[in-house]
N, C-alpha and C. Protein backbone atom coordinates (compact mmCIF):
# COMPACT_ATOMS: atom_id res chain seq x y z
N MET A 1 18.69 4.64 -2.70
CA MET A 1 17.55 3.78 -2.91
C MET A 1 16.48 4.57 -3.65
N MET A 2 15.95 4.02 -4.69
CA MET A 2 14.87 4.66 -5.43
C MET A 2 13.57 3.94 -5.09
N ASN A 3 12.51 4.64 -4.91
CA ASN A 3 11.24 4.07 -4.55
C ASN A 3 10.34 4.10 -5.77
N ALA A 4 9.93 2.94 -6.25
CA ALA A 4 9.04 2.86 -7.40
C ALA A 4 7.61 2.59 -6.94
N LYS A 5 7.31 3.01 -5.72
CA LYS A 5 5.99 2.77 -5.15
C LYS A 5 4.92 3.46 -5.98
N HIS A 6 5.21 4.59 -6.53
CA HIS A 6 4.24 5.30 -7.35
C HIS A 6 4.30 4.74 -8.76
N THR A 7 3.25 4.92 -9.50
CA THR A 7 3.18 4.31 -10.81
C THR A 7 3.97 5.06 -11.87
N VAL A 8 4.60 6.14 -11.52
CA VAL A 8 5.43 6.87 -12.47
C VAL A 8 6.68 6.03 -12.73
N SER A 9 6.94 5.73 -13.99
CA SER A 9 8.10 4.92 -14.33
C SER A 9 9.35 5.77 -14.29
N ILE A 10 10.37 5.28 -13.64
CA ILE A 10 11.64 6.00 -13.56
C ILE A 10 12.50 5.52 -14.71
N ALA A 11 12.82 6.40 -15.63
CA ALA A 11 13.49 6.00 -16.85
C ALA A 11 14.99 5.85 -16.67
N THR A 12 15.66 6.88 -16.19
CA THR A 12 17.12 6.83 -16.15
C THR A 12 17.63 7.46 -14.88
N LEU A 13 18.64 6.84 -14.30
CA LEU A 13 19.28 7.39 -13.12
C LEU A 13 20.77 7.46 -13.39
N MET A 14 21.32 8.66 -13.34
CA MET A 14 22.76 8.83 -13.56
C MET A 14 23.46 8.82 -12.21
N LEU A 15 24.56 8.07 -12.12
CA LEU A 15 25.30 7.99 -10.87
C LEU A 15 26.73 8.46 -11.08
N CYS A 16 27.31 8.96 -10.02
CA CYS A 16 28.71 9.36 -10.03
C CYS A 16 29.56 8.13 -9.76
N ALA A 17 30.21 7.59 -10.79
CA ALA A 17 30.98 6.36 -10.64
C ALA A 17 32.31 6.61 -9.93
N ALA A 18 32.71 7.84 -9.81
CA ALA A 18 33.99 8.15 -9.20
C ALA A 18 33.89 8.31 -7.68
N CYS A 19 32.70 8.16 -7.14
CA CYS A 19 32.53 8.33 -5.70
C CYS A 19 33.29 7.25 -4.94
N ALA A 20 33.81 7.59 -3.78
CA ALA A 20 34.61 6.66 -2.98
C ALA A 20 33.74 5.58 -2.36
N THR A 21 32.54 5.92 -1.92
CA THR A 21 31.68 4.92 -1.31
C THR A 21 30.71 4.38 -2.37
N PRO A 22 30.37 3.11 -2.26
CA PRO A 22 29.45 2.56 -3.27
C PRO A 22 28.06 3.18 -3.15
N GLU A 23 27.41 3.29 -4.28
CA GLU A 23 26.02 3.73 -4.33
C GLU A 23 25.15 2.49 -4.49
N ARG A 24 24.06 2.42 -3.71
CA ARG A 24 23.14 1.28 -3.79
C ARG A 24 21.80 1.79 -4.32
N ILE A 25 21.27 1.08 -5.29
CA ILE A 25 19.97 1.41 -5.85
C ILE A 25 19.13 0.15 -5.76
N VAL A 26 17.94 0.25 -5.17
CA VAL A 26 17.04 -0.89 -5.03
C VAL A 26 15.69 -0.50 -5.63
N LEU A 27 15.17 -1.37 -6.49
CA LEU A 27 13.84 -1.15 -7.07
C LEU A 27 12.81 -1.79 -6.16
N LEU A 28 11.94 -0.97 -5.57
CA LEU A 28 10.90 -1.48 -4.70
C LEU A 28 9.67 -1.85 -5.52
N PRO A 29 8.81 -2.70 -4.98
CA PRO A 29 7.60 -3.08 -5.72
C PRO A 29 6.74 -1.86 -6.01
N GLY A 30 6.17 -1.83 -7.20
CA GLY A 30 5.26 -0.75 -7.57
C GLY A 30 3.87 -1.03 -7.05
N VAL A 31 3.02 -0.02 -7.10
CA VAL A 31 1.62 -0.17 -6.71
C VAL A 31 0.83 -0.36 -7.98
N GLY A 32 -0.01 -1.36 -8.01
CA GLY A 32 -0.81 -1.64 -9.19
C GLY A 32 -0.07 -2.56 -10.14
N ALA A 33 -0.63 -2.74 -11.32
CA ALA A 33 -0.11 -3.71 -12.27
C ALA A 33 0.95 -3.13 -13.21
N LYS A 34 1.10 -1.83 -13.22
CA LYS A 34 2.04 -1.21 -14.16
C LYS A 34 3.48 -1.49 -13.74
N PRO A 35 4.27 -2.15 -14.59
CA PRO A 35 5.66 -2.45 -14.22
C PRO A 35 6.53 -1.18 -14.22
N THR A 36 7.55 -1.20 -13.40
CA THR A 36 8.49 -0.10 -13.34
C THR A 36 9.89 -0.65 -13.51
N SER A 37 10.81 0.22 -13.83
CA SER A 37 12.21 -0.19 -13.96
C SER A 37 13.10 1.02 -13.75
N ILE A 38 14.37 0.73 -13.50
CA ILE A 38 15.37 1.78 -13.33
C ILE A 38 16.58 1.39 -14.18
N GLU A 39 17.09 2.34 -14.93
CA GLU A 39 18.33 2.14 -15.68
C GLU A 39 19.45 2.80 -14.88
N VAL A 40 20.46 2.02 -14.55
CA VAL A 40 21.58 2.50 -13.75
C VAL A 40 22.81 2.56 -14.64
N ARG A 41 23.44 3.72 -14.69
CA ARG A 41 24.66 3.87 -15.50
C ARG A 41 25.85 4.12 -14.58
N GLY A 42 26.87 3.31 -14.77
CA GLY A 42 28.10 3.47 -14.02
C GLY A 42 29.28 3.47 -14.99
N LYS A 43 30.46 3.58 -14.46
CA LYS A 43 31.65 3.63 -15.30
C LYS A 43 31.80 2.36 -16.14
N SER A 44 31.37 1.23 -15.58
CA SER A 44 31.55 -0.04 -16.30
C SER A 44 30.40 -0.37 -17.24
N GLY A 45 29.39 0.48 -17.32
CA GLY A 45 28.29 0.21 -18.25
C GLY A 45 26.94 0.50 -17.63
N THR A 46 25.92 -0.07 -18.26
CA THR A 46 24.53 0.18 -17.88
C THR A 46 23.88 -1.11 -17.40
N ALA A 47 23.06 -1.00 -16.38
CA ALA A 47 22.29 -2.13 -15.88
C ALA A 47 20.84 -1.69 -15.73
N VAL A 48 19.91 -2.59 -15.99
CA VAL A 48 18.50 -2.29 -15.83
C VAL A 48 17.95 -3.15 -14.70
N LEU A 49 17.32 -2.49 -13.73
CA LEU A 49 16.64 -3.18 -12.65
C LEU A 49 15.16 -3.20 -13.01
N ALA A 50 14.59 -4.38 -13.20
CA ALA A 50 13.22 -4.46 -13.68
C ALA A 50 12.33 -5.38 -12.84
N ILE A 51 12.88 -5.99 -11.79
CA ILE A 51 12.06 -6.83 -10.92
C ILE A 51 12.16 -6.28 -9.49
N PRO A 52 11.10 -6.43 -8.70
CA PRO A 52 11.13 -5.91 -7.33
C PRO A 52 12.31 -6.47 -6.54
N TYR A 53 12.94 -5.60 -5.80
CA TYR A 53 14.09 -5.89 -4.94
C TYR A 53 15.37 -6.21 -5.71
N ALA A 54 15.41 -5.90 -6.99
CA ALA A 54 16.68 -5.95 -7.71
C ALA A 54 17.53 -4.80 -7.18
N GLU A 55 18.85 -5.04 -7.10
CA GLU A 55 19.74 -4.06 -6.50
C GLU A 55 20.96 -3.88 -7.38
N ALA A 56 21.42 -2.66 -7.52
CA ALA A 56 22.68 -2.37 -8.20
C ALA A 56 23.59 -1.68 -7.20
N VAL A 57 24.84 -2.15 -7.12
CA VAL A 57 25.85 -1.53 -6.28
C VAL A 57 26.90 -0.97 -7.23
N VAL A 58 27.05 0.35 -7.22
CA VAL A 58 27.95 1.04 -8.15
C VAL A 58 29.15 1.54 -7.38
N THR A 59 30.33 1.13 -7.83
CA THR A 59 31.59 1.61 -7.25
C THR A 59 32.36 2.35 -8.33
N ALA A 60 33.55 2.81 -8.00
CA ALA A 60 34.37 3.55 -8.96
C ALA A 60 34.76 2.67 -10.15
N ARG A 61 34.81 1.35 -9.94
CA ARG A 61 35.25 0.46 -11.01
C ARG A 61 34.18 -0.42 -11.60
N ASP A 62 33.08 -0.63 -10.89
CA ASP A 62 32.18 -1.70 -11.29
C ASP A 62 30.73 -1.38 -10.92
N THR A 63 29.80 -2.04 -11.62
CA THR A 63 28.39 -2.04 -11.26
C THR A 63 27.97 -3.49 -11.11
N VAL A 64 27.57 -3.85 -9.90
CA VAL A 64 27.18 -5.23 -9.62
C VAL A 64 25.68 -5.28 -9.38
N VAL A 65 24.99 -6.15 -10.12
CA VAL A 65 23.55 -6.29 -9.99
C VAL A 65 23.25 -7.56 -9.21
N GLY A 66 22.34 -7.45 -8.28
CA GLY A 66 21.93 -8.60 -7.49
C GLY A 66 20.50 -8.44 -7.05
N LYS A 67 20.14 -9.17 -6.01
CA LYS A 67 18.77 -9.10 -5.49
C LYS A 67 18.84 -9.14 -3.97
N VAL A 68 17.99 -8.34 -3.35
CA VAL A 68 17.85 -8.35 -1.90
C VAL A 68 16.42 -8.73 -1.57
N ASP A 69 16.15 -9.01 -0.30
CA ASP A 69 14.78 -9.35 0.08
C ASP A 69 14.13 -8.19 0.82
N ALA A 70 12.83 -8.29 1.00
CA ALA A 70 12.06 -7.22 1.63
C ALA A 70 12.54 -6.94 3.06
N GLU A 71 12.90 -7.98 3.78
CA GLU A 71 13.36 -7.80 5.16
C GLU A 71 14.66 -7.01 5.21
N THR A 72 15.59 -7.31 4.32
CA THR A 72 16.86 -6.58 4.26
C THR A 72 16.62 -5.11 3.95
N VAL A 73 15.77 -4.86 2.98
CA VAL A 73 15.46 -3.47 2.61
C VAL A 73 14.82 -2.74 3.79
N ALA A 74 13.88 -3.39 4.47
CA ALA A 74 13.21 -2.76 5.61
C ALA A 74 14.19 -2.40 6.71
N LYS A 75 15.17 -3.26 6.96
CA LYS A 75 16.16 -2.97 8.01
C LYS A 75 17.16 -1.91 7.54
N ARG A 76 17.70 -2.10 6.35
CA ARG A 76 18.76 -1.22 5.85
C ARG A 76 18.27 0.22 5.65
N TYR A 77 17.04 0.37 5.20
CA TYR A 77 16.53 1.70 4.82
C TYR A 77 15.35 2.13 5.70
N ALA A 78 15.31 1.68 6.93
CA ALA A 78 14.17 2.00 7.81
C ALA A 78 13.92 3.50 7.92
N ASP A 79 14.98 4.29 8.06
CA ASP A 79 14.80 5.74 8.20
C ASP A 79 14.26 6.38 6.92
N VAL A 80 14.74 5.92 5.79
CA VAL A 80 14.28 6.46 4.50
C VAL A 80 12.82 6.08 4.27
N ILE A 81 12.48 4.82 4.53
CA ILE A 81 11.10 4.36 4.33
C ILE A 81 10.16 5.12 5.26
N ALA A 82 10.58 5.36 6.49
CA ALA A 82 9.74 6.09 7.43
C ALA A 82 9.49 7.52 6.97
N ALA A 83 10.43 8.10 6.23
CA ALA A 83 10.29 9.48 5.76
C ALA A 83 9.55 9.59 4.43
N THR A 84 9.25 8.45 3.81
CA THR A 84 8.56 8.47 2.51
C THR A 84 7.12 8.95 2.70
N PRO A 85 6.69 9.90 1.90
CA PRO A 85 5.31 10.39 2.04
C PRO A 85 4.31 9.27 1.75
N THR A 86 3.17 9.36 2.39
CA THR A 86 2.09 8.42 2.14
C THR A 86 1.57 8.64 0.73
N ALA A 87 1.25 7.54 0.05
CA ALA A 87 0.74 7.63 -1.32
C ALA A 87 -0.59 8.37 -1.33
N PRO A 88 -0.87 9.09 -2.41
CA PRO A 88 -2.17 9.78 -2.51
C PRO A 88 -3.32 8.77 -2.42
N LYS A 89 -4.45 9.25 -1.96
CA LYS A 89 -5.63 8.40 -1.85
C LYS A 89 -6.80 9.11 -2.51
N LEU A 90 -7.61 8.35 -3.24
CA LEU A 90 -8.74 8.91 -3.97
C LEU A 90 -10.04 8.36 -3.41
N PHE A 91 -10.96 9.25 -3.11
CA PHE A 91 -12.32 8.90 -2.71
C PHE A 91 -13.24 9.42 -3.79
N ILE A 92 -14.28 8.66 -4.12
CA ILE A 92 -15.27 9.12 -5.11
C ILE A 92 -16.64 8.99 -4.48
N VAL A 93 -17.40 10.08 -4.57
CA VAL A 93 -18.79 10.06 -4.11
C VAL A 93 -19.69 10.35 -5.30
N TYR A 94 -20.90 9.78 -5.26
CA TYR A 94 -21.82 9.88 -6.39
C TYR A 94 -23.10 10.58 -5.97
N TYR A 95 -23.77 11.18 -6.98
CA TYR A 95 -24.97 11.97 -6.75
C TYR A 95 -26.18 11.38 -7.46
N LEU A 96 -27.33 11.69 -6.90
CA LEU A 96 -28.57 11.37 -7.59
C LEU A 96 -28.69 12.35 -8.75
N THR A 97 -29.48 12.03 -9.72
CA THR A 97 -29.56 12.82 -10.95
C THR A 97 -30.05 14.25 -10.70
N GLY A 98 -29.40 15.19 -11.41
CA GLY A 98 -29.87 16.56 -11.50
C GLY A 98 -29.66 17.47 -10.30
N GLY A 99 -28.99 17.03 -9.27
CA GLY A 99 -28.87 17.91 -8.12
C GLY A 99 -27.64 17.63 -7.27
N ASN A 100 -27.76 17.97 -5.99
CA ASN A 100 -26.63 17.87 -5.07
C ASN A 100 -26.87 16.88 -3.95
N GLU A 101 -27.74 15.89 -4.16
CA GLU A 101 -28.00 14.90 -3.13
C GLU A 101 -27.13 13.67 -3.37
N LEU A 102 -26.30 13.36 -2.36
CA LEU A 102 -25.41 12.20 -2.44
C LEU A 102 -26.20 10.91 -2.34
N THR A 103 -25.67 9.85 -2.97
CA THR A 103 -26.25 8.52 -2.76
C THR A 103 -25.98 8.11 -1.31
N VAL A 104 -26.74 7.16 -0.80
CA VAL A 104 -26.58 6.71 0.59
C VAL A 104 -25.17 6.18 0.83
N GLU A 105 -24.63 5.40 -0.11
CA GLU A 105 -23.29 4.86 0.03
C GLU A 105 -22.24 5.96 0.10
N SER A 106 -22.46 7.03 -0.61
CA SER A 106 -21.49 8.12 -0.66
C SER A 106 -21.43 8.91 0.64
N LEU A 107 -22.52 8.95 1.38
CA LEU A 107 -22.51 9.65 2.66
C LEU A 107 -21.48 9.03 3.60
N ALA A 108 -21.38 7.70 3.60
CA ALA A 108 -20.39 7.02 4.45
C ALA A 108 -18.96 7.33 4.00
N VAL A 109 -18.75 7.47 2.71
CA VAL A 109 -17.42 7.79 2.18
C VAL A 109 -16.98 9.15 2.69
N VAL A 110 -17.86 10.13 2.63
CA VAL A 110 -17.53 11.49 3.09
C VAL A 110 -17.19 11.47 4.57
N ASP A 111 -17.88 10.66 5.34
CA ASP A 111 -17.60 10.58 6.78
C ASP A 111 -16.20 10.04 7.08
N ASN A 112 -15.64 9.21 6.18
CA ASN A 112 -14.32 8.62 6.40
C ASN A 112 -13.16 9.54 6.06
N ILE A 113 -13.39 10.57 5.30
CA ILE A 113 -12.30 11.43 4.82
C ILE A 113 -11.59 12.17 5.97
N PRO A 114 -12.29 12.78 6.93
CA PRO A 114 -11.56 13.44 8.02
C PRO A 114 -10.66 12.47 8.80
N ARG A 115 -11.08 11.21 8.96
CA ARG A 115 -10.23 10.22 9.65
C ARG A 115 -8.97 9.94 8.84
N GLU A 116 -9.10 9.86 7.54
CA GLU A 116 -7.92 9.65 6.68
C GLU A 116 -6.96 10.84 6.80
N LEU A 117 -7.50 12.03 6.83
CA LEU A 117 -6.68 13.24 6.93
C LEU A 117 -6.00 13.38 8.29
N ALA A 118 -6.58 12.80 9.32
CA ALA A 118 -5.99 12.91 10.66
C ALA A 118 -4.58 12.31 10.69
N GLY A 119 -4.33 11.31 9.88
CA GLY A 119 -3.00 10.69 9.83
C GLY A 119 -2.06 11.34 8.84
N ARG A 120 -2.47 12.42 8.23
CA ARG A 120 -1.66 13.12 7.22
C ARG A 120 -1.64 14.60 7.56
N PRO A 121 -0.79 15.02 8.47
CA PRO A 121 -0.84 16.41 8.95
C PRO A 121 -0.57 17.47 7.90
N ALA A 122 0.13 17.16 6.83
CA ALA A 122 0.45 18.18 5.83
C ALA A 122 -0.23 17.92 4.49
N ALA A 123 -1.25 17.09 4.48
CA ALA A 123 -1.89 16.71 3.22
C ALA A 123 -2.70 17.85 2.62
N GLU A 124 -2.79 17.81 1.31
CA GLU A 124 -3.63 18.74 0.56
C GLU A 124 -4.81 17.93 0.02
N VAL A 125 -5.98 18.54 -0.03
CA VAL A 125 -7.18 17.87 -0.54
C VAL A 125 -7.63 18.60 -1.80
N VAL A 126 -7.77 17.84 -2.89
CA VAL A 126 -8.27 18.41 -4.14
C VAL A 126 -9.64 17.79 -4.39
N VAL A 127 -10.67 18.63 -4.43
CA VAL A 127 -12.05 18.19 -4.62
C VAL A 127 -12.47 18.62 -6.02
N THR A 128 -12.82 17.63 -6.85
CA THR A 128 -13.17 17.91 -8.25
C THR A 128 -14.57 17.40 -8.55
N GLY A 129 -15.46 18.32 -8.91
CA GLY A 129 -16.84 17.97 -9.24
C GLY A 129 -17.00 17.62 -10.71
N HIS A 130 -17.89 16.66 -10.98
CA HIS A 130 -18.17 16.19 -12.35
C HIS A 130 -19.68 15.99 -12.51
N THR A 131 -20.12 15.97 -13.75
CA THR A 131 -21.53 15.70 -14.07
C THR A 131 -21.61 14.67 -15.19
N ASP A 132 -22.85 14.19 -15.41
CA ASP A 132 -23.08 13.40 -16.61
C ASP A 132 -23.31 14.37 -17.77
N ARG A 133 -23.77 13.89 -18.92
CA ARG A 133 -23.91 14.76 -20.10
C ARG A 133 -25.33 15.25 -20.31
N VAL A 134 -26.19 15.09 -19.32
CA VAL A 134 -27.56 15.59 -19.43
C VAL A 134 -27.55 17.08 -19.07
N GLY A 135 -28.09 17.90 -19.96
CA GLY A 135 -28.12 19.34 -19.72
C GLY A 135 -27.06 20.05 -20.55
N THR A 136 -27.04 21.37 -20.43
CA THR A 136 -26.09 22.16 -21.21
C THR A 136 -24.71 22.12 -20.56
N VAL A 137 -23.71 22.43 -21.35
CA VAL A 137 -22.33 22.49 -20.83
C VAL A 137 -22.25 23.52 -19.72
N GLU A 138 -22.86 24.68 -19.92
CA GLU A 138 -22.82 25.74 -18.92
C GLU A 138 -23.47 25.32 -17.61
N ALA A 139 -24.66 24.69 -17.71
CA ALA A 139 -25.36 24.23 -16.51
C ALA A 139 -24.55 23.15 -15.78
N ASN A 140 -23.92 22.28 -16.54
CA ASN A 140 -23.11 21.22 -15.92
C ASN A 140 -21.84 21.77 -15.28
N ASP A 141 -21.26 22.81 -15.89
CA ASP A 141 -20.11 23.46 -15.24
C ASP A 141 -20.50 24.01 -13.88
N ALA A 142 -21.62 24.73 -13.84
CA ALA A 142 -22.07 25.32 -12.58
C ALA A 142 -22.42 24.24 -11.56
N LEU A 143 -23.08 23.16 -12.00
CA LEU A 143 -23.47 22.09 -11.10
C LEU A 143 -22.24 21.37 -10.53
N SER A 144 -21.23 21.14 -11.37
CA SER A 144 -20.02 20.46 -10.88
C SER A 144 -19.27 21.33 -9.86
N GLU A 145 -19.24 22.63 -10.08
CA GLU A 145 -18.61 23.54 -9.12
C GLU A 145 -19.38 23.55 -7.80
N LYS A 146 -20.70 23.53 -7.90
CA LYS A 146 -21.54 23.53 -6.70
C LYS A 146 -21.33 22.23 -5.91
N ARG A 147 -21.26 21.10 -6.60
CA ARG A 147 -21.02 19.82 -5.94
C ARG A 147 -19.67 19.81 -5.22
N ALA A 148 -18.63 20.30 -5.90
CA ALA A 148 -17.30 20.35 -5.28
C ALA A 148 -17.31 21.27 -4.06
N ALA A 149 -17.98 22.40 -4.17
CA ALA A 149 -18.04 23.36 -3.05
C ALA A 149 -18.79 22.76 -1.85
N LEU A 150 -19.84 21.99 -2.11
CA LEU A 150 -20.58 21.36 -1.02
C LEU A 150 -19.72 20.34 -0.28
N ILE A 151 -18.94 19.56 -1.00
CA ILE A 151 -18.04 18.60 -0.35
C ILE A 151 -16.96 19.36 0.42
N ARG A 152 -16.40 20.40 -0.18
CA ARG A 152 -15.41 21.22 0.53
C ARG A 152 -15.99 21.76 1.83
N ASP A 153 -17.19 22.31 1.77
CA ASP A 153 -17.81 22.88 2.96
C ASP A 153 -18.12 21.81 4.01
N THR A 154 -18.49 20.62 3.57
CA THR A 154 -18.73 19.52 4.50
C THR A 154 -17.44 19.12 5.21
N LEU A 155 -16.35 19.07 4.48
CA LEU A 155 -15.06 18.74 5.08
C LEU A 155 -14.63 19.82 6.08
N ILE A 156 -14.84 21.07 5.72
CA ILE A 156 -14.50 22.17 6.63
C ILE A 156 -15.34 22.07 7.90
N ALA A 157 -16.63 21.76 7.75
CA ALA A 157 -17.51 21.62 8.91
C ALA A 157 -17.08 20.46 9.81
N ASN A 158 -16.36 19.50 9.22
CA ASN A 158 -15.86 18.35 9.99
C ASN A 158 -14.42 18.54 10.45
N GLY A 159 -13.92 19.78 10.42
CA GLY A 159 -12.63 20.08 11.01
C GLY A 159 -11.44 20.14 10.07
N VAL A 160 -11.64 19.98 8.78
CA VAL A 160 -10.52 20.08 7.84
C VAL A 160 -10.29 21.57 7.54
N PRO A 161 -9.08 22.08 7.76
CA PRO A 161 -8.83 23.50 7.50
C PRO A 161 -9.08 23.89 6.04
N ARG A 162 -9.75 25.00 5.83
CA ARG A 162 -10.04 25.50 4.48
C ARG A 162 -8.77 25.65 3.65
N SER A 163 -7.66 26.03 4.30
CA SER A 163 -6.40 26.26 3.59
C SER A 163 -5.83 24.98 2.96
N ARG A 164 -6.32 23.82 3.37
CA ARG A 164 -5.81 22.56 2.84
C ARG A 164 -6.65 22.03 1.69
N ILE A 165 -7.73 22.74 1.32
CA ILE A 165 -8.68 22.22 0.33
C ILE A 165 -8.74 23.12 -0.90
N VAL A 166 -8.68 22.51 -2.06
CA VAL A 166 -8.91 23.18 -3.33
C VAL A 166 -10.13 22.52 -3.96
N ALA A 167 -11.12 23.29 -4.38
CA ALA A 167 -12.33 22.74 -4.98
C ALA A 167 -12.52 23.32 -6.38
N VAL A 168 -12.74 22.44 -7.36
CA VAL A 168 -12.93 22.86 -8.75
C VAL A 168 -14.04 22.02 -9.39
N GLY A 169 -14.62 22.55 -10.45
CA GLY A 169 -15.63 21.83 -11.22
C GLY A 169 -15.14 21.56 -12.63
N ARG A 170 -15.39 20.37 -13.13
CA ARG A 170 -14.98 20.00 -14.49
C ARG A 170 -16.18 19.73 -15.40
N GLY A 171 -17.39 19.90 -14.87
CA GLY A 171 -18.58 19.70 -15.69
C GLY A 171 -18.64 18.29 -16.25
N GLU A 172 -18.93 18.21 -17.55
CA GLU A 172 -19.05 16.91 -18.21
C GLU A 172 -17.79 16.53 -18.99
N ARG A 173 -16.69 17.29 -18.80
CA ARG A 173 -15.48 17.12 -19.61
C ARG A 173 -14.68 15.85 -19.34
N GLU A 174 -14.76 15.29 -18.15
CA GLU A 174 -13.92 14.14 -17.79
C GLU A 174 -14.78 12.99 -17.28
N PRO A 175 -15.57 12.37 -18.14
CA PRO A 175 -16.45 11.30 -17.68
C PRO A 175 -15.66 10.04 -17.32
N LEU A 176 -16.18 9.29 -16.35
CA LEU A 176 -15.63 7.96 -16.10
C LEU A 176 -16.08 7.01 -17.19
N ILE A 177 -17.32 7.20 -17.64
CA ILE A 177 -17.91 6.36 -18.68
C ILE A 177 -18.26 7.28 -19.85
N THR A 178 -17.67 7.02 -20.99
CA THR A 178 -17.95 7.85 -22.17
C THR A 178 -19.35 7.54 -22.69
N THR A 179 -20.14 8.60 -22.88
CA THR A 179 -21.50 8.44 -23.39
C THR A 179 -21.77 9.49 -24.45
N ALA A 180 -22.88 9.30 -25.14
CA ALA A 180 -23.36 10.32 -26.06
C ALA A 180 -23.96 11.46 -25.25
N ASP A 181 -24.20 12.59 -25.90
CA ASP A 181 -24.82 13.73 -25.23
C ASP A 181 -26.22 13.35 -24.75
N GLU A 182 -26.61 13.91 -23.61
CA GLU A 182 -27.93 13.73 -22.99
C GLU A 182 -28.16 12.32 -22.44
N VAL A 183 -27.08 11.56 -22.20
CA VAL A 183 -27.22 10.23 -21.59
C VAL A 183 -27.01 10.34 -20.09
N ASP A 184 -27.95 9.79 -19.34
CA ASP A 184 -27.94 9.79 -17.88
C ASP A 184 -27.05 8.63 -17.40
N GLU A 185 -25.81 8.95 -17.00
CA GLU A 185 -24.87 7.92 -16.52
C GLU A 185 -24.51 8.22 -15.07
N PRO A 186 -25.02 7.42 -14.11
CA PRO A 186 -24.80 7.70 -12.69
C PRO A 186 -23.33 7.77 -12.27
N ARG A 187 -22.45 6.99 -12.90
CA ARG A 187 -21.04 7.00 -12.50
C ARG A 187 -20.32 8.28 -12.90
N ASN A 188 -20.90 9.05 -13.79
CA ASN A 188 -20.29 10.34 -14.17
C ASN A 188 -20.71 11.47 -13.24
N ARG A 189 -21.80 11.29 -12.49
CA ARG A 189 -22.27 12.30 -11.52
C ARG A 189 -21.52 12.07 -10.22
N ARG A 190 -20.36 12.70 -10.10
CA ARG A 190 -19.49 12.37 -8.98
C ARG A 190 -18.66 13.56 -8.55
N VAL A 191 -18.07 13.40 -7.36
CA VAL A 191 -17.00 14.29 -6.91
C VAL A 191 -15.85 13.38 -6.51
N GLU A 192 -14.67 13.71 -7.02
CA GLU A 192 -13.46 12.98 -6.65
C GLU A 192 -12.72 13.79 -5.60
N ILE A 193 -12.36 13.14 -4.51
CA ILE A 193 -11.64 13.78 -3.43
C ILE A 193 -10.28 13.13 -3.35
N LYS A 194 -9.26 13.84 -3.77
CA LYS A 194 -7.89 13.28 -3.76
C LYS A 194 -7.12 13.89 -2.61
N ILE A 195 -6.57 13.02 -1.79
CA ILE A 195 -5.74 13.46 -0.67
C ILE A 195 -4.31 13.15 -1.04
N ARG A 196 -3.49 14.20 -1.07
CA ARG A 196 -2.08 13.99 -1.44
C ARG A 196 -1.14 14.72 -0.51
């Protein structure tokens, strides 16, 4: 069974057509609007699974394409689904201009992160600081690093082990909203906290 839950498109899957037991491949629904598909190659040819719950059964002689339902998949592959890692989650917090003060809404976001991590015992946290384009590149690099470090330290103070957190600054290099230089854009003054 292949899981297309992540938005990475799976291009090609090669199967051993000479195997004694049939191989089953099921395309699960993707997350978001980006379509996914799987190309299955067997001794009798190629089949493309492009709709959720499409299934290919590959034997030594044949490849049969059909469709299963969500309930069948849940029962048949319960152990595999239970072992599937939780999808990454992204939190974004925003800052007031020129410093390290979070917006009121962002304070609540930071408070929710330790609860999210409690259900992910082996998760890694990547904290990435960003700025708008007001100020010099050097000053924005330093400010973005400081913002990321402050979020990292807040998470550590709330019980997240330091060994699970990576904090980096990207300055003004990766804006959410593209602007000209020296434009004050609140959505670019942010820290992204990705739990994976």
